[in-house]
Each structure stands twice: as C-alpha cells, then as structure tokens.
Amino acid sequence: AESSVKAVHHSAAHALATFATNHPNHPEATSKLFSLADHPHMPVRLTLLHFCATNKSTQARKVIDTMTSDKDKTLATEAKRYQELLTMENSKTTQAEQPAPRTQWSVKGRVVDG
C-alpha cells in the first residue's frame, strides 16, 4: 500500500511539473510544485529538480542550490550537476551579452578603431 501511495505522489508531481511547464503563467502550479522540495519520497523531489533545471527562475535556482545537500546522494549529485550546467550556461550568456572587443590598428602612427 505504501508503494502505491508513493507512486501516486510521484505521478502527481510529474503531472504538475508538466502542467507548470506548459502553463508558466498559471498562478499556483509552480508554487505548488516548489512546495514539494521537502517531500519524503526522493522521486518526487527528483521530478521537482528536473523541473527547476528548465524553469530558470530565482526560486528554481534556490531549490537546486538547496538540493545539492539532499539526504539522498543520487539527488544531491544530480543537483550539483545541474548547478554546474546552469553556471556554465550563465557564463556563456554573460559573455554573449558583452560587446565584442574593439580592434585598433596603427596606420602611419595613428591609432584607428576597426
């Protein structure tokens, strides 16, 4: 009976994550999903973690950061992996947003921007 309850909780979390992904402006879907961060069943928390990796909100990033110290080592490792991927992604985005460096040429003693 307990495994059935866990399976229902996991299915519900998955359905909620799918709904929240497809309806990002729904007022309660994402907040209800975030409330599962302390759920006792690891697959429910893992579903939340996967959602957070694609959500890109500040709240999602906080959940990922918190889950890096989850009691389940598999979940904590996955959270750390997402944390690293998001850090690299943010670094690439920041670099892409910066203007290209200006090239300067010296023409007969004068510096010319190119």
Protein backbone atom coordinates (compact mmCIF):
# COMPACT_ATOMS: atom_id res chain seq x y z
CA ALA A 1 0.00 0.00 0.00
CA GLU A 2 2.84 2.41 0.83
CA SER A 3 4.47 1.86 -2.57
CA SER A 4 1.13 2.68 -4.22
CA VAL A 5 0.93 5.95 -2.31
CA LYS A 6 4.49 6.81 -3.34
CA ALA A 7 3.67 6.01 -6.97
CA VAL A 8 0.61 8.25 -6.86
CA HIS A 9 2.64 11.10 -5.31
CA HIS A 10 5.31 10.71 -7.98
CA SER A 11 2.72 10.64 -10.79
CA ALA A 12 1.03 13.72 -9.37
CA ALA A 13 4.35 15.58 -9.14
CA HIS A 14 5.17 14.64 -12.73
CA ALA A 15 1.74 15.79 -13.95
CA LEU A 16 2.09 19.05 -12.03
CA ALA A 17 5.58 19.64 -13.48
CA THR A 18 4.26 19.04 -16.99
CA PHE A 19 1.35 21.40 -16.39
CA ALA A 20 3.59 24.09 -14.88
CA THR A 21 5.98 23.83 -17.82
CA ASN A 22 3.15 24.15 -20.34
CA HIS A 23 1.37 26.92 -18.40
CA PRO A 24 4.19 29.06 -16.95
CA ASN A 25 1.85 31.91 -16.06
CA HIS A 26 -0.52 29.78 -14.02
CA PRO A 27 -0.62 31.42 -10.57
CA GLU A 28 -0.49 28.28 -8.43
CA ALA A 29 1.08 25.48 -10.45
CA THR A 30 4.71 26.47 -9.94
CA SER A 31 4.30 27.41 -6.29
CA LYS A 32 2.59 24.08 -5.56
CA LEU A 33 5.43 22.28 -7.30
CA PHE A 34 8.06 24.20 -5.31
CA SER A 35 6.27 23.15 -2.12
CA LEU A 36 7.33 19.56 -2.86
CA ALA A 37 11.00 20.34 -2.17
CA ASP A 38 10.82 18.64 1.23
CA HIS A 39 8.68 15.71 0.13
CA PRO A 40 9.83 12.48 1.84
CA HIS A 41 9.82 10.44 -1.39
CA MET A 42 13.01 11.01 -3.44
CA PRO A 43 11.45 10.54 -6.93
CA VAL A 44 9.04 13.40 -6.14
CA ARG A 45 11.97 15.68 -5.24
CA LEU A 46 13.86 14.49 -8.33
CA THR A 47 10.90 15.44 -10.52
CA LEU A 48 10.96 18.89 -8.94
CA LEU A 49 14.71 19.12 -9.54
CA HIS A 50 14.30 18.33 -13.25
CA PHE A 51 11.57 20.96 -13.48
CA CYS A 52 13.78 23.54 -11.74
CA ALA A 53 16.60 22.93 -14.21
CA THR A 54 14.35 24.09 -17.03
CA ASN A 55 12.40 26.77 -15.13
CA LYS A 56 15.22 29.34 -14.86
CA SER A 57 13.52 31.36 -12.10
CA THR A 58 15.29 32.59 -8.97
CA GLN A 59 13.11 30.28 -6.88
CA ALA A 60 14.04 27.30 -9.08
CA ARG A 61 17.73 28.12 -8.71
CA LYS A 62 17.33 28.28 -4.91
CA VAL A 63 15.69 24.85 -4.92
CA ILE A 64 18.58 23.44 -6.96
CA ASP A 65 21.12 25.01 -4.60
CA THR A 66 19.30 23.57 -1.57
CA MET A 67 19.06 20.12 -3.13
CA THR A 68 22.83 19.89 -3.52
CA SER A 69 22.85 18.84 0.14
CA ASP A 70 19.84 16.50 -0.10
CA LYS A 71 19.89 13.43 2.15
CA ASP A 72 19.72 11.24 -0.96
CA LYS A 73 23.18 11.15 -2.55
CA THR A 74 21.85 10.50 -6.06
CA LEU A 75 19.60 13.53 -5.87
CA ALA A 76 22.35 15.70 -4.37
CA THR A 77 24.74 14.65 -7.15
CA GLU A 78 22.16 15.45 -9.81
CA ALA A 79 21.51 18.85 -8.21
CA LYS A 80 25.24 19.60 -8.26
CA ARG A 81 25.39 18.59 -11.93
CA TYR A 82 22.53 20.96 -12.75
CA GLN A 83 24.16 23.68 -10.67
CA GLU A 84 27.36 23.35 -12.73
CA LEU A 85 25.47 23.28 -16.04
CA LEU A 86 23.48 26.39 -15.13
CA THR A 87 26.65 28.19 -14.02
CA MET A 88 28.30 27.38 -17.36
CA GLU A 89 25.15 28.42 -19.23
CA ASN A 90 25.00 31.73 -17.34
CA SER A 91 28.68 32.32 -18.06
CA LYS A 92 28.13 31.79 -21.80
CA THR A 93 25.10 34.09 -21.75
CA THR A 94 27.05 36.80 -19.95
CA GLN A 95 29.90 36.52 -22.45
CA ALA A 96 27.48 36.69 -25.39
CA GLU A 97 25.89 39.84 -23.99
CA GLN A 98 29.20 41.67 -23.76
CA PRO A 99 30.17 43.81 -26.74
CA ALA A 100 32.84 42.42 -28.98
CA PRO A 101 36.29 43.80 -28.22
CA ARG A 102 37.29 46.68 -30.42
CA THR A 103 40.22 46.19 -32.68
CA GLN A 104 42.69 49.02 -33.01
CA TRP A 105 45.04 49.40 -35.92
CA SER A 106 48.02 51.63 -36.29
CA VAL A 107 48.09 53.40 -39.62
CA LYS A 108 51.14 55.59 -40.16
CA GLY A 109 51.46 56.25 -36.45
CA ARG A 110 47.74 56.98 -35.88
CA VAL A 111 45.53 54.57 -33.92
CA VAL A 112 42.35 53.74 -35.83
CA ASP A 113 39.41 51.78 -34.37
CA GLY A 114 38.23 48.95 -36.55
